[in-house]
Amino acid sequence: MTPNAFPGQRKAHVTLYGGGSTNRTRTFKFASPNFHTVDFEFDYVEGENVLLDIRTDAYPNRPSTLDAEDFSVNNIFERAGLAANRRAQGRAKGR
């Protein structure tokens, strides 16, 4: 990986080998830190608590090895390489 402050100038140098063939080195230009972009729209019922973020240490019955951190719908998908955008669009009809 060739680091650079300008994303358009970043590059990754990859060497492919194995299978009895000659090693090949390829250079790939950096395009984006994300594989895809996803948009989430959340509807909600008026008067209900909308919960889209939680601290991982907020629940008392959890593995002791679980790191304490803020966890959201966005960062779950960002860890998987998706640029996540979310918005609360409107109210769903209550029962």
C-alpha atoms as a PDB file:
ATOM      1  CA  MET A   1       0.000   0.000   0.000  1.00  0.00           C
ATOM      2  CA  THR A   2       1.299   3.426  -0.925  1.00  0.00           C
ATOM      3  CA  PRO A   3      -0.123   5.879   1.649  1.00  0.00           C
ATOM      4  CA  ASN A   4      -0.959   9.376   0.530  1.00  0.00           C
ATOM      5  CA  ALA A   5      -3.084  12.234   1.875  1.00  0.00           C
ATOM      6  CA  PHE A   6      -4.846  12.399  -1.492  1.00  0.00           C
ATOM      7  CA  PRO A   7      -7.068   9.328  -2.083  1.00  0.00           C
ATOM      8  CA  GLY A   8      -6.651   9.533  -5.859  1.00  0.00           C
ATOM      9  CA  GLN A   9      -2.885   8.987  -5.473  1.00  0.00           C
ATOM     10  CA  ARG A  10      -3.072   5.932  -3.182  1.00  0.00           C
ATOM     11  CA  LYS A  11      -2.071   2.589  -4.661  1.00  0.00           C
ATOM     12  CA  ALA A  12      -1.904  -1.037  -3.617  1.00  0.00           C
ATOM     13  CA  HIS A  13       0.837  -3.286  -4.991  1.00  0.00           C
ATOM     14  CA  VAL A  14      -0.256  -6.941  -5.073  1.00  0.00           C
ATOM     15  CA  THR A  15       1.913  -9.934  -5.946  1.00  0.00           C
ATOM     16  CA  LEU A  16       0.066 -13.014  -7.205  1.00  0.00           C
ATOM     17  CA  TYR A  17       1.890 -16.325  -6.961  1.00  0.00           C
ATOM     18  CA  GLY A  18       1.296 -20.046  -6.806  1.00  0.00           C
ATOM     19  CA  GLY A  19       0.009 -22.738  -9.126  1.00  0.00           C
ATOM     20  CA  GLY A  20       3.427 -23.235 -10.707  1.00  0.00           C
ATOM     21  CA  SER A  21       3.249 -20.030 -12.729  1.00  0.00           C
ATOM     22  CA  THR A  22       5.503 -16.977 -12.656  1.00  0.00           C
ATOM     23  CA  ASN A  23       4.800 -14.389  -9.962  1.00  0.00           C
ATOM     24  CA  ARG A  24       2.850 -11.380 -11.214  1.00  0.00           C
ATOM     25  CA  THR A  25       2.793  -7.979  -9.542  1.00  0.00           C
ATOM     26  CA  ARG A  26      -0.173  -5.730 -10.195  1.00  0.00           C
ATOM     27  CA  THR A  27      -0.765  -2.144  -9.068  1.00  0.00           C
ATOM     28  CA  PHE A  28      -4.285  -1.004  -8.255  1.00  0.00           C
ATOM     29  CA  LYS A  29      -5.350   2.616  -7.832  1.00  0.00           C
ATOM     30  CA  PHE A  30      -7.313   3.525  -4.732  1.00  0.00           C
ATOM     31  CA  ALA A  31     -10.962   4.209  -5.518  1.00  0.00           C
ATOM     32  CA  SER A  32     -12.787   4.314  -2.183  1.00  0.00           C
ATOM     33  CA  PRO A  33     -12.506   3.021   1.376  1.00  0.00           C
ATOM     34  CA  ASN A  34     -15.947   1.442   0.876  1.00  0.00           C
ATOM     35  CA  PHE A  35     -17.180  -1.364  -1.334  1.00  0.00           C
ATOM     36  CA  HIS A  36     -20.685   0.074  -1.710  1.00  0.00           C
ATOM     37  CA  THR A  37     -22.901   2.810  -0.343  1.00  0.00           C
ATOM     38  CA  VAL A  38     -26.148   1.883   1.393  1.00  0.00           C
ATOM     39  CA  ASP A  39     -28.980   4.138   2.551  1.00  0.00           C
ATOM     40  CA  PHE A  40     -31.205   3.215   5.471  1.00  0.00           C
ATOM     41  CA  GLU A  41     -34.560   4.800   6.098  1.00  0.00           C
ATOM     42  CA  PHE A  42     -36.150   4.244   9.490  1.00  0.00           C
ATOM     43  CA  ASP A  43     -39.813   4.892  10.125  1.00  0.00           C
ATOM     44  CA  TYR A  44     -40.991   5.279  13.675  1.00  0.00           C
ATOM     45  CA  VAL A  45     -44.175   5.483  15.688  1.00  0.00           C
ATOM     46  CA  GLU A  46     -44.777   8.869  17.292  1.00  0.00           C
ATOM     47  CA  GLY A  47     -44.185   8.754  21.033  1.00  0.00           C
ATOM     48  CA  GLU A  48     -41.924   5.677  20.879  1.00  0.00           C
ATOM     49  CA  ASN A  49     -38.221   5.766  21.721  1.00  0.00           C
ATOM     50  CA  VAL A  50     -36.108   5.352  18.577  1.00  0.00           C
ATOM     51  CA  LEU A  51     -32.958   3.388  19.407  1.00  0.00           C
ATOM     52  CA  LEU A  52     -30.311   3.197  16.674  1.00  0.00           C
ATOM     53  CA  ASP A  53     -27.204   3.493  18.880  1.00  0.00           C
ATOM     54  CA  ILE A  54     -26.143   1.558  21.966  1.00  0.00           C
ATOM     55  CA  ARG A  55     -23.072   1.181  24.154  1.00  0.00           C
ATOM     56  CA  THR A  56     -21.841  -2.392  24.095  1.00  0.00           C
ATOM     57  CA  ASP A  57     -21.340  -2.305  27.872  1.00  0.00           C
ATOM     58  CA  ALA A  58     -24.901  -1.040  28.527  1.00  0.00           C
ATOM     59  CA  TYR A  59     -26.354  -4.537  28.875  1.00  0.00           C
ATOM     60  CA  PRO A  60     -25.362  -6.318  32.112  1.00  0.00           C
ATOM     61  CA  ASN A  61     -25.460  -9.846  30.661  1.00  0.00           C
ATOM     62  CA  ARG A  62     -22.609  -9.670  28.142  1.00  0.00           C
ATOM     63  CA  PRO A  63     -19.296 -11.434  27.522  1.00  0.00           C
ATOM     64  CA  SER A  64     -16.557 -10.042  29.770  1.00  0.00           C
ATOM     65  CA  THR A  65     -14.249  -9.811  26.749  1.00  0.00           C
ATOM     66  CA  LEU A  66     -16.599  -7.446  24.890  1.00  0.00           C
ATOM     67  CA  ASP A  67     -14.985  -4.021  24.460  1.00  0.00           C
ATOM     68  CA  ALA A  68     -16.961  -1.026  25.697  1.00  0.00           C
ATOM     69  CA  GLU A  69     -17.769   1.126  22.680  1.00  0.00           C
ATOM     70  CA  ASP A  70     -20.563   3.060  21.015  1.00  0.00           C
ATOM     71  CA  PHE A  71     -22.293   0.848  18.489  1.00  0.00           C
ATOM     72  CA  SER A  72     -24.703   2.045  15.813  1.00  0.00           C
ATOM     73  CA  VAL A  73     -26.421   0.746  12.725  1.00  0.00           C
ATOM     74  CA  ASN A  74     -23.962   2.834  10.691  1.00  0.00           C
ATOM     75  CA  ASN A  75     -20.741   1.505  12.204  1.00  0.00           C
ATOM     76  CA  ILE A  76     -21.890  -2.118  11.973  1.00  0.00           C
ATOM     77  CA  PHE A  77     -22.155  -1.758   8.210  1.00  0.00           C
ATOM     78  CA  GLU A  78     -19.075   0.501   7.904  1.00  0.00           C
ATOM     79  CA  ARG A  79     -16.972  -2.251   9.497  1.00  0.00           C
ATOM     80  CA  ALA A  80     -18.109  -4.486   6.648  1.00  0.00           C
ATOM     81  CA  GLY A  81     -16.911  -1.933   4.069  1.00  0.00           C
ATOM     82  CA  LEU A  82     -20.224  -0.208   3.339  1.00  0.00           C
ATOM     83  CA  ALA A  83     -20.652   3.555   3.513  1.00  0.00           C
ATOM     84  CA  ALA A  84     -23.872   3.763   5.515  1.00  0.00           C
ATOM     85  CA  ASN A  85     -26.231   6.720   5.458  1.00  0.00           C
ATOM     86  CA  ARG A  86     -29.309   6.798   7.634  1.00  0.00           C
ATOM     87  CA  ARG A  87     -32.210   9.112   8.114  1.00  0.00           C
ATOM     88  CA  ALA A  88     -35.454   9.036  10.035  1.00  0.00           C
ATOM     89  CA  GLN A  89     -37.888   9.633   7.232  1.00  0.00           C
ATOM     90  CA  GLY A  90     -41.259   9.765   8.900  1.00  0.00           C
ATOM     91  CA  ARG A  91     -43.729   8.267  11.270  1.00  0.00           C
ATOM     92  CA  ALA A  92     -45.290   4.865  10.829  1.00  0.00           C
ATOM     93  CA  LYS A  93     -48.953   4.543  11.720  1.00  0.00           C
ATOM     94  CA  GLY A  94     -49.439   3.494  15.344  1.00  0.00           C
ATOM     95  CA  ARG A  95     -51.586   0.536  16.321  1.00  0.00           C
END
